[in-house]
């Protein structure tokens, strides 16, 4: 409960978060999601390395998730930036 918003969070006070979080992670379609270390290779070692870093999320405290996600995001952003800087071989000038 928050002093500024005293009613916030009280609507689900009978909700058991621990029970809900103990289940297997599933996609909206109900299929189990693969763990980050079981993802198929992308064909780019830099992208694969960034995605492999996500395996550190499993078992890590929630407080550490932001840092892990920011690191993976930064690495993927760098890869995309490098790809944008490379000339496109398919766009040949006449």
PDB file of N, CA and C in Angstrom:
ATOM      1  N   UNK A   1       0.839  -1.165   0.000  1.00  0.00           N
ATOM      2  CA  UNK A   1       0.000   0.000   0.000  1.00  0.00           C
ATOM      3  C   UNK A   1       0.886   1.229   0.000  1.00  0.00           C
ATOM      4  N   UNK A   2       0.475   2.268  -0.682  1.00  0.00           N
ATOM      5  CA  UNK A   2       1.264   3.471  -0.875  1.00  0.00           C
ATOM      6  C   UNK A   2       0.530   4.644  -0.224  1.00  0.00           C
ATOM      7  N   UNK A   3       1.263   5.478   0.487  1.00  0.00           N
ATOM      8  CA  UNK A   3       0.622   6.619   1.151  1.00  0.00           C
ATOM      9  C   UNK A   3      -0.006   7.577   0.159  1.00  0.00           C
ATOM     10  N   UNK A   4       0.634   7.772  -1.000  1.00  0.00           N
ATOM     11  CA  UNK A   4       0.101   8.688  -1.990  1.00  0.00           C
ATOM     12  C   UNK A   4      -1.136   8.114  -2.667  1.00  0.00           C
ATOM     13  N   UNK A   5      -1.158   6.807  -2.860  1.00  0.00           N
ATOM     14  CA  UNK A   5      -2.295   6.114  -3.479  1.00  0.00           C
ATOM     15  C   UNK A   5      -2.726   4.982  -2.542  1.00  0.00           C
ATOM     16  N   UNK A   6      -3.475   5.299  -1.496  1.00  0.00           N
ATOM     17  CA  UNK A   6      -3.778   4.300  -0.469  1.00  0.00           C
ATOM     18  C   UNK A   6      -4.564   3.093  -0.967  1.00  0.00           C
ATOM     19  N   UNK A   7      -5.336   3.218  -2.044  1.00  0.00           N
ATOM     20  CA  UNK A   7      -6.125   2.096  -2.541  1.00  0.00           C
ATOM     21  C   UNK A   7      -5.371   1.237  -3.538  1.00  0.00           C
ATOM     22  N   UNK A   8      -4.198   1.686  -3.979  1.00  0.00           N
ATOM     23  CA  UNK A   8      -3.448   0.949  -4.981  1.00  0.00           C
ATOM     24  C   UNK A   8      -2.939  -0.361  -4.409  1.00  0.00           C
ATOM     25  N   UNK A   9      -3.176  -1.437  -5.142  1.00  0.00           N
ATOM     26  CA  UNK A   9      -2.684  -2.739  -4.730  1.00  0.00           C
ATOM     27  C   UNK A   9      -3.628  -3.503  -3.835  1.00  0.00           C
ATOM     28  N   UNK A  10      -4.726  -2.907  -3.393  1.00  0.00           N
ATOM     29  CA  UNK A  10      -5.633  -3.609  -2.497  1.00  0.00           C
ATOM     30  C   UNK A  10      -6.663  -4.445  -3.236  1.00  0.00           C
ATOM     31  N   UNK A  11      -6.832  -4.211  -4.547  1.00  0.00           N
ATOM     32  CA  UNK A  11      -7.844  -4.947  -5.290  1.00  0.00           C
ATOM     33  C   UNK A  11      -7.509  -6.427  -5.414  1.00  0.00           C
ATOM     34  N   UNK A  12      -6.249  -6.794  -5.318  1.00  0.00           N
ATOM     35  CA  UNK A  12      -5.832  -8.193  -5.451  1.00  0.00           C
ATOM     36  C   UNK A  12      -5.263  -8.746  -4.151  1.00  0.00           C
ATOM     37  N   UNK A  13      -5.735  -8.270  -3.023  1.00  0.00           N
ATOM     38  CA  UNK A  13      -5.122  -8.685  -1.763  1.00  0.00           C
ATOM     39  C   UNK A  13      -5.300 -10.170  -1.469  1.00  0.00           C
ATOM     40  N   UNK A  14      -6.281 -10.825  -2.111  1.00  0.00           N
ATOM     41  CA  UNK A  14      -6.474 -12.261  -1.919  1.00  0.00           C
ATOM     42  C   UNK A  14      -5.679 -13.092  -2.929  1.00  0.00           C
ATOM     43  N   UNK A  15      -4.937 -12.450  -3.767  1.00  0.00           N
ATOM     44  CA  UNK A  15      -4.181 -13.112  -4.822  1.00  0.00           C
ATOM     45  C   UNK A  15      -2.894 -13.693  -4.243  1.00  0.00           C
ATOM     46  N   UNK A  16      -2.592 -14.935  -4.577  1.00  0.00           N
ATOM     47  CA  UNK A  16      -1.378 -15.586  -4.094  1.00  0.00           C
ATOM     48  C   UNK A  16      -0.323 -15.549  -5.202  1.00  0.00           C
ATOM     49  N   UNK A  17       0.537 -14.543  -5.153  1.00  0.00           N
ATOM     50  CA  UNK A  17       1.550 -14.337  -6.184  1.00  0.00           C
ATOM     51  C   UNK A  17       2.528 -15.508  -6.245  1.00  0.00           C
ATOM     52  N   UNK A  18       2.921 -16.046  -5.101  1.00  0.00           N
ATOM     53  CA  UNK A  18       3.886 -17.146  -5.088  1.00  0.00           C
ATOM     54  C   UNK A  18       3.374 -18.351  -5.851  1.00  0.00           C
ATOM     55  N   UNK A  19       2.110 -18.682  -5.690  1.00  0.00           N
ATOM     56  CA  UNK A  19       1.533 -19.818  -6.396  1.00  0.00           C
ATOM     57  C   UNK A  19       1.501 -19.551  -7.892  1.00  0.00           C
ATOM     58  N   UNK A  20       1.131 -18.342  -8.275  1.00  0.00           N
ATOM     59  CA  UNK A  20       1.050 -18.011  -9.686  1.00  0.00           C
ATOM     60  C   UNK A  20       2.408 -18.029 -10.356  1.00  0.00           C
ATOM     61  N   UNK A  21       3.440 -17.623  -9.673  1.00  0.00           N
ATOM     62  CA  UNK A  21       4.772 -17.546 -10.256  1.00  0.00           C
ATOM     63  C   UNK A  21       5.495 -18.882 -10.257  1.00  0.00           C
ATOM     64  N   UNK A  22       4.968 -19.872  -9.556  1.00  0.00           N
ATOM     65  CA  UNK A  22       5.673 -21.151  -9.473  1.00  0.00           C
ATOM     66  C   UNK A  22       5.453 -22.029 -10.692  1.00  0.00           C
ATOM     67  N   UNK A  23       4.500 -21.692 -11.553  1.00  0.00           N
ATOM     68  CA  UNK A  23       4.222 -22.493 -12.736  1.00  0.00           C
ATOM     69  C   UNK A  23       5.281 -22.314 -13.801  1.00  0.00           C
ATOM     70  N   UNK A  24       5.202 -23.150 -14.821  1.00  0.00           N
ATOM     71  CA  UNK A  24       6.137 -23.051 -15.936  1.00  0.00           C
ATOM     72  C   UNK A  24       5.810 -21.835 -16.777  1.00  0.00           C
ATOM     73  N   UNK A  25       6.822 -21.151 -17.297  1.00  0.00           N
ATOM     74  CA  UNK A  25       6.544 -19.999 -18.154  1.00  0.00           C
ATOM     75  C   UNK A  25       5.901 -20.465 -19.448  1.00  0.00           C
ATOM     76  N   UNK A  26       4.854 -19.785 -19.849  1.00  0.00           N
ATOM     77  CA  UNK A  26       4.154 -20.163 -21.072  1.00  0.00           C
ATOM     78  C   UNK A  26       3.881 -18.932 -21.906  1.00  0.00           C
ATOM     79  N   UNK A  27       3.817 -19.133 -23.191  1.00  0.00           N
ATOM     80  CA  UNK A  27       3.474 -18.054 -24.101  1.00  0.00           C
ATOM     81  C   UNK A  27       1.961 -17.850 -24.037  1.00  0.00           C
ATOM     82  N   UNK A  28       1.447 -16.772 -24.628  1.00  0.00           N
ATOM     83  CA  UNK A  28       0.004 -16.556 -24.608  1.00  0.00           C
ATOM     84  C   UNK A  28      -0.776 -17.724 -25.229  1.00  0.00           C
ATOM     85  N   UNK A  29      -0.155 -18.455 -26.138  1.00  0.00           N
ATOM     86  CA  UNK A  29      -0.833 -19.587 -26.758  1.00  0.00           C
ATOM     87  C   UNK A  29      -0.811 -20.823 -25.868  1.00  0.00           C
ATOM     88  N   UNK A  30      -0.123 -20.771 -24.745  1.00  0.00           N
ATOM     89  CA  UNK A  30      -0.060 -21.887 -23.821  1.00  0.00           C
ATOM     90  C   UNK A  30       1.124 -22.812 -24.035  1.00  0.00           C
ATOM     91  N   UNK A  31       2.010 -22.495 -24.977  1.00  0.00           N
ATOM     92  CA  UNK A  31       3.190 -23.322 -25.225  1.00  0.00           C
ATOM     93  C   UNK A  31       4.313 -22.894 -24.287  1.00  0.00           C
ATOM     94  N   UNK A  32       5.092 -23.851 -23.840  1.00  0.00           N
ATOM     95  CA  UNK A  32       6.238 -23.514 -23.007  1.00  0.00           C
ATOM     96  C   UNK A  32       7.264 -22.764 -23.833  1.00  0.00           C
ATOM     97  N   UNK A  33       7.850 -21.727 -23.231  1.00  0.00           N
ATOM     98  CA  UNK A  33       8.882 -20.956 -23.909  1.00  0.00           C
ATOM     99  C   UNK A  33      10.229 -21.625 -23.689  1.00  0.00           C
ATOM    100  N   UNK A  34      11.087 -21.639 -24.710  1.00  0.00           N
ATOM    101  CA  UNK A  34      12.419 -22.215 -24.507  1.00  0.00           C
ATOM    102  C   UNK A  34      13.257 -21.280 -23.642  1.00  0.00           C
ATOM    103  N   UNK A  35      14.167 -21.865 -22.891  1.00  0.00           N
ATOM    104  CA  UNK A  35      15.068 -21.024 -22.118  1.00  0.00           C
ATOM    105  C   UNK A  35      16.040 -20.335 -23.072  1.00  0.00           C
ATOM    106  N   UNK A  36      16.666 -19.274 -22.620  1.00  0.00           N
ATOM    107  CA  UNK A  36      17.560 -18.492 -23.475  1.00  0.00           C
ATOM    108  C   UNK A  36      18.715 -19.335 -24.004  1.00  0.00           C
ATOM    109  N   UNK A  37      19.162 -20.308 -23.224  1.00  0.00           N
ATOM    110  CA  UNK A  37      20.290 -21.127 -23.675  1.00  0.00           C
ATOM    111  C   UNK A  37      19.853 -22.226 -24.649  1.00  0.00           C
ATOM    112  N   UNK A  38      18.554 -22.380 -24.876  1.00  0.00           N
ATOM    113  CA  UNK A  38      18.057 -23.391 -25.814  1.00  0.00           C
ATOM    114  C   UNK A  38      17.578 -22.765 -27.117  1.00  0.00           C
ATOM    115  N   UNK A  39      17.822 -21.489 -27.312  1.00  0.00           N
ATOM    116  CA  UNK A  39      17.396 -20.829 -28.536  1.00  0.00           C
ATOM    117  C   UNK A  39      18.238 -21.304 -29.711  1.00  0.00           C
ATOM    118  N   UNK A  40      17.626 -21.414 -30.883  1.00  0.00           N
ATOM    119  CA  UNK A  40      18.401 -21.837 -32.054  1.00  0.00           C
ATOM    120  C   UNK A  40      19.376 -20.734 -32.463  1.00  0.00           C
ATOM    121  N   UNK A  41      20.490 -21.090 -33.096  1.00  0.00           N
ATOM    122  CA  UNK A  41      21.456 -20.079 -33.526  1.00  0.00           C
ATOM    123  C   UNK A  41      20.831 -19.144 -34.557  1.00  0.00           C
ATOM    124  N   UNK A  42      21.233 -17.898 -34.508  1.00  0.00           N
ATOM    125  CA  UNK A  42      20.694 -16.892 -35.429  1.00  0.00           C
ATOM    126  C   UNK A  42      21.515 -16.766 -36.698  1.00  0.00           C
ATOM    127  N   UNK A  43      22.741 -17.263 -36.661  1.00  0.00           N
ATOM    128  CA  UNK A  43      23.625 -17.101 -37.804  1.00  0.00           C
ATOM    129  C   UNK A  43      24.618 -15.962 -37.609  1.00  0.00           C
ATOM    130  N   UNK A  44      24.450 -15.205 -36.551  1.00  0.00           N
ATOM    131  CA  UNK A  44      25.380 -14.120 -36.232  1.00  0.00           C
ATOM    132  C   UNK A  44      25.885 -14.371 -34.811  1.00  0.00           C
ATOM    133  N   UNK A  45      27.180 -14.615 -34.689  1.00  0.00           N
ATOM    134  CA  UNK A  45      27.760 -14.942 -33.386  1.00  0.00           C
ATOM    135  C   UNK A  45      27.539 -13.848 -32.355  1.00  0.00           C
ATOM    136  N   UNK A  46      27.530 -12.588 -32.803  1.00  0.00           N
ATOM    137  CA  UNK A  46      27.340 -11.474 -31.862  1.00  0.00           C
ATOM    138  C   UNK A  46      25.931 -11.498 -31.288  1.00  0.00           C
ATOM    139  N   UNK A  47      24.952 -11.783 -32.111  1.00  0.00           N
ATOM    140  CA  UNK A  47      23.565 -11.862 -31.648  1.00  0.00           C
ATOM    141  C   UNK A  47      23.399 -13.075 -30.732  1.00  0.00           C
ATOM    142  N   UNK A  48      23.982 -14.204 -31.130  1.00  0.00           N
ATOM    143  CA  UNK A  48      23.902 -15.405 -30.301  1.00  0.00           C
ATOM    144  C   UNK A  48      24.508 -15.158 -28.921  1.00  0.00           C
ATOM    145  N   UNK A  49      25.632 -14.452 -28.877  1.00  0.00           N
ATOM    146  CA  UNK A  49      26.277 -14.154 -27.591  1.00  0.00           C
ATOM    147  C   UNK A  49      25.394 -13.256 -26.730  1.00  0.00           C
ATOM    148  N   UNK A  50      24.761 -12.266 -27.351  1.00  0.00           N
ATOM    149  CA  UNK A  50      23.872 -11.368 -26.600  1.00  0.00           C
ATOM    150  C   UNK A  50      22.686 -12.140 -26.034  1.00  0.00           C
ATOM    151  N   UNK A  51      22.101 -13.011 -26.849  1.00  0.00           N
ATOM    152  CA  UNK A  51      20.957 -13.796 -26.394  1.00  0.00           C
ATOM    153  C   UNK A  51      21.361 -14.816 -25.337  1.00  0.00           C
ATOM    154  N   UNK A  52      22.556 -15.372 -25.457  1.00  0.00           N
ATOM    155  CA  UNK A  52      23.030 -16.335 -24.465  1.00  0.00           C
ATOM    156  C   UNK A  52      23.153 -15.679 -23.091  1.00  0.00           C
ATOM    157  N   UNK A  53      23.442 -14.385 -23.068  1.00  0.00           N
ATOM    158  CA  UNK A  53      23.524 -13.671 -21.801  1.00  0.00           C
ATOM    159  C   UNK A  53      22.211 -13.656 -21.042  1.00  0.00           C
ATOM    160  N   UNK A  54      21.110 -13.839 -21.757  1.00  0.00           N
ATOM    161  CA  UNK A  54      19.805 -13.869 -21.103  1.00  0.00           C
ATOM    162  C   UNK A  54      19.632 -15.092 -20.214  1.00  0.00           C
ATOM    163  N   UNK A  55      20.459 -16.116 -20.410  1.00  0.00           N
ATOM    164  CA  UNK A  55      20.358 -17.305 -19.560  1.00  0.00           C
ATOM    165  C   UNK A  55      20.685 -16.966 -18.106  1.00  0.00           C
ATOM    166  N   UNK A  56      21.343 -15.846 -17.876  1.00  0.00           N
ATOM    167  CA  UNK A  56      21.652 -15.418 -16.502  1.00  0.00           C
ATOM    168  C   UNK A  56      20.400 -14.975 -15.758  1.00  0.00           C
ATOM    169  N   UNK A  57      19.289 -14.767 -16.466  1.00  0.00           N
ATOM    170  CA  UNK A  57      18.047 -14.350 -15.805  1.00  0.00           C
ATOM    171  C   UNK A  57      17.476 -15.464 -14.929  1.00  0.00           C
ATOM    172  N   UNK A  58      17.556 -16.682 -15.412  1.00  0.00           N
ATOM    173  CA  UNK A  58      16.981 -17.805 -14.667  1.00  0.00           C
ATOM    174  C   UNK A  58      17.704 -17.960 -13.339  1.00  0.00           C
ATOM    175  N   UNK A  59      16.951 -17.887 -12.289  1.00  0.00           N
ATOM    176  CA  UNK A  59      17.503 -18.052 -10.956  1.00  0.00           C
ATOM    177  C   UNK A  59      18.082 -16.780 -10.359  1.00  0.00           C
ATOM    178  N   UNK A  60      18.200 -15.717 -11.147  1.00  0.00           N
ATOM    179  CA  UNK A  60      18.738 -14.459 -10.625  1.00  0.00           C
ATOM    180  C   UNK A  60      17.628 -13.682  -9.919  1.00  0.00           C
ATOM    181  N   UNK A  61      17.976 -12.952  -8.882  1.00  0.00           N
ATOM    182  CA  UNK A  61      16.964 -12.122  -8.220  1.00  0.00           C
ATOM    183  C   UNK A  61      16.429 -11.071  -9.188  1.00  0.00           C
ATOM    184  N   UNK A  62      15.188 -10.696  -9.010  1.00  0.00           N
ATOM    185  CA  UNK A  62      14.538  -9.728  -9.898  1.00  0.00           C
ATOM    186  C   UNK A  62      15.326  -8.429  -9.991  1.00  0.00           C
ATOM    187  N   UNK A  63      16.009  -8.051  -8.926  1.00  0.00           N
ATOM    188  CA  UNK A  63      16.773  -6.804  -8.926  1.00  0.00           C
ATOM    189  C   UNK A  63      17.882  -6.823  -9.969  1.00  0.00           C
ATOM    190  N   UNK A  64      18.351  -8.012 -10.346  1.00  0.00           N
ATOM    191  CA  UNK A  64      19.433  -8.133 -11.318  1.00  0.00           C
ATOM    192  C   UNK A  64      18.930  -8.217 -12.758  1.00  0.00           C
ATOM    193  N   UNK A  65      17.643  -8.429 -12.949  1.00  0.00           N
ATOM    194  CA  UNK A  65      17.093  -8.603 -14.294  1.00  0.00           C
ATOM    195  C   UNK A  65      17.305  -7.376 -15.173  1.00  0.00           C
ATOM    196  N   UNK A  66      17.115  -6.201 -14.631  1.00  0.00           N
ATOM    197  CA  UNK A  66      17.252  -4.981 -15.437  1.00  0.00           C
ATOM    198  C   UNK A  66      18.656  -4.884 -16.013  1.00  0.00           C
ATOM    199  N   UNK A  67      19.667  -5.131 -15.204  1.00  0.00           N
ATOM    200  CA  UNK A  67      21.049  -5.032 -15.683  1.00  0.00           C
ATOM    201  C   UNK A  67      21.325  -6.056 -16.787  1.00  0.00           C
ATOM    202  N   UNK A  68      20.816  -7.276 -16.627  1.00  0.00           N
ATOM    203  CA  UNK A  68      21.032  -8.320 -17.632  1.00  0.00           C
ATOM    204  C   UNK A  68      20.334  -7.939 -18.937  1.00  0.00           C
ATOM    205  N   UNK A  69      19.089  -7.472 -18.829  1.00  0.00           N
ATOM    206  CA  UNK A  69      18.339  -7.085 -20.020  1.00  0.00           C
ATOM    207  C   UNK A  69      18.959  -5.877 -20.710  1.00  0.00           C
ATOM    208  N   UNK A  70      19.427  -4.905 -19.928  1.00  0.00           N
ATOM    209  CA  UNK A  70      20.074  -3.731 -20.525  1.00  0.00           C
ATOM    210  C   UNK A  70      21.352  -4.121 -21.251  1.00  0.00           C
ATOM    211  N   UNK A  71      22.093  -5.057 -20.694  1.00  0.00           N
ATOM    212  CA  UNK A  71      23.330  -5.507 -21.349  1.00  0.00           C
ATOM    213  C   UNK A  71      23.011  -6.176 -22.692  1.00  0.00           C
ATOM    214  N   UNK A  72      22.022  -7.070 -22.691  1.00  0.00           N
ATOM    215  CA  UNK A  72      21.650  -7.749 -23.941  1.00  0.00           C
ATOM    216  C   UNK A  72      21.120  -6.737 -24.945  1.00  0.00           C
ATOM    217  N   UNK A  73      20.291  -5.811 -24.501  1.00  0.00           N
ATOM    218  CA  UNK A  73      19.746  -4.782 -25.391  1.00  0.00           C
ATOM    219  C   UNK A  73      20.871  -3.940 -25.990  1.00  0.00           C
ATOM    220  N   UNK A  74      21.832  -3.550 -25.170  1.00  0.00           N
ATOM    221  CA  UNK A  74      22.955  -2.742 -25.642  1.00  0.00           C
ATOM    222  C   UNK A  74      23.779  -3.479 -26.690  1.00  0.00           C
ATOM    223  N   UNK A  75      24.022  -4.760 -26.445  1.00  0.00           N
ATOM    224  CA  UNK A  75      24.798  -5.545 -27.407  1.00  0.00           C
ATOM    225  C   UNK A  75      24.048  -5.691 -28.726  1.00  0.00           C
ATOM    226  N   UNK A  76      22.734  -5.944 -28.653  1.00  0.00           N
ATOM    227  CA  UNK A  76      21.939  -6.068 -29.874  1.00  0.00           C
ATOM    228  C   UNK A  76      21.850  -4.735 -30.616  1.00  0.00           C
ATOM    229  N   UNK A  77      21.725  -3.643 -29.865  1.00  0.00           N
ATOM    230  CA  UNK A  77      21.689  -2.311 -30.477  1.00  0.00           C
ATOM    231  C   UNK A  77      22.999  -2.033 -31.198  1.00  0.00           C
ATOM    232  N   UNK A  78      24.121  -2.412 -30.603  1.00  0.00           N
ATOM    233  CA  UNK A  78      25.427  -2.212 -31.237  1.00  0.00           C
ATOM    234  C   UNK A  78      25.533  -3.003 -32.542  1.00  0.00           C
ATOM    235  N   UNK A  79      25.031  -4.244 -32.527  1.00  0.00           N
ATOM    236  CA  UNK A  79      25.063  -5.067 -33.740  1.00  0.00           C
ATOM    237  C   UNK A  79      24.230  -4.403 -34.833  1.00  0.00           C
ATOM    238  N   UNK A  80      23.047  -3.947 -34.485  1.00  0.00           N
ATOM    239  CA  UNK A  80      22.197  -3.278 -35.476  1.00  0.00           C
ATOM    240  C   UNK A  80      22.852  -2.004 -35.992  1.00  0.00           C
ATOM    241  N   UNK A  81      23.523  -1.271 -35.124  1.00  0.00           N
ATOM    242  CA  UNK A  81      24.227  -0.061 -35.549  1.00  0.00           C
ATOM    243  C   UNK A  81      25.333  -0.369 -36.531  1.00  0.00           C
ATOM    244  N   UNK A  82      26.050  -1.466 -36.279  1.00  0.00           N
ATOM    245  CA  UNK A  82      27.105  -1.873 -37.203  1.00  0.00           C
ATOM    246  C   UNK A  82      26.519  -2.284 -38.548  1.00  0.00           C
ATOM    247  N   UNK A  83      25.386  -2.949 -38.525  1.00  0.00           N
ATOM    248  CA  UNK A  83      24.750  -3.363 -39.775  1.00  0.00           C
ATOM    249  C   UNK A  83      24.264  -2.160 -40.570  1.00  0.00           C
ATOM    250  N   UNK A  84      23.765  -1.138 -39.871  1.00  0.00           N
ATOM    251  CA  UNK A  84      23.325   0.079 -40.552  1.00  0.00           C
ATOM    252  C   UNK A  84      24.494   0.805 -41.204  1.00  0.00           C
ATOM    253  N   UNK A  85      25.683   0.695 -40.602  1.00  0.00           N
ATOM    254  CA  UNK A  85      26.854   1.400 -41.107  1.00  0.00           C
ATOM    255  C   UNK A  85      27.471   0.703 -42.321  1.00  0.00           C
ATOM    256  N   UNK A  86      27.216  -0.602 -42.460  1.00  0.00           N
ATOM    257  CA  UNK A  86      27.773  -1.355 -43.580  1.00  0.00           C
ATOM    258  C   UNK A  86      26.987  -1.047 -44.849  1.00  0.00           C
ATOM    259  N   UNK A  87      27.685  -0.895 -45.970  1.00  0.00           N
ATOM    260  CA  UNK A  87      26.960  -0.679 -47.238  1.00  0.00           C
ATOM    261  C   UNK A  87      26.179  -1.935 -47.620  1.00  0.00           C
ATOM    262  N   UNK A  88      25.018  -1.737 -48.191  1.00  0.00           N
ATOM    263  CA  UNK A  88      24.173  -2.837 -48.609  1.00  0.00           C
ATOM    264  C   UNK A  88      24.626  -3.331 -49.973  1.00  0.00           C
ATOM    265  N   UNK A  89      25.098  -4.569 -50.073  1.00  0.00           N
ATOM    266  CA  UNK A  89      25.588  -5.059 -51.368  1.00  0.00           C
ATOM    267  C   UNK A  89      24.478  -5.225 -52.391  1.00  0.00           C
ATOM    268  N   UNK A  90      23.230  -5.282 -51.969  1.00  0.00           N
ATOM    269  CA  UNK A  90      22.109  -5.451 -52.890  1.00  0.00           C
ATOM    270  C   UNK A  90      21.696  -4.130 -53.552  1.00  0.00           C
ATOM    271  N   UNK A  91      22.151  -3.022 -53.017  1.00  0.00           N
ATOM    272  CA  UNK A  91      21.809  -1.727 -53.599  1.00  0.00           C
ATOM    273  C   UNK A  91      22.988  -1.204 -54.406  1.00  0.00           C
ATOM    274  N   UNK A  92      23.101  -1.742 -55.598  1.00  0.00           N
ATOM    275  CA  UNK A  92      24.203  -1.363 -56.470  1.00  0.00           C
ATOM    276  C   UNK A  92      23.771  -0.186 -57.326  1.00  0.00           C
ATOM    277  N   UNK A  93      24.674   0.726 -57.490  1.00  0.00           N
ATOM    278  CA  UNK A  93      24.396   1.898 -58.352  1.00  0.00           C
ATOM    279  C   UNK A  93      24.743   1.564 -59.792  1.00  0.00           C
ATOM    280  N   UNK A  94      23.918   2.010 -60.756  1.00  0.00           N
ATOM    281  CA  UNK A  94      24.206   1.726 -62.175  1.00  0.00           C
ATOM    282  C   UNK A  94      25.413   2.474 -62.683  1.00  0.00           C
TER     283      UNK A  94
END
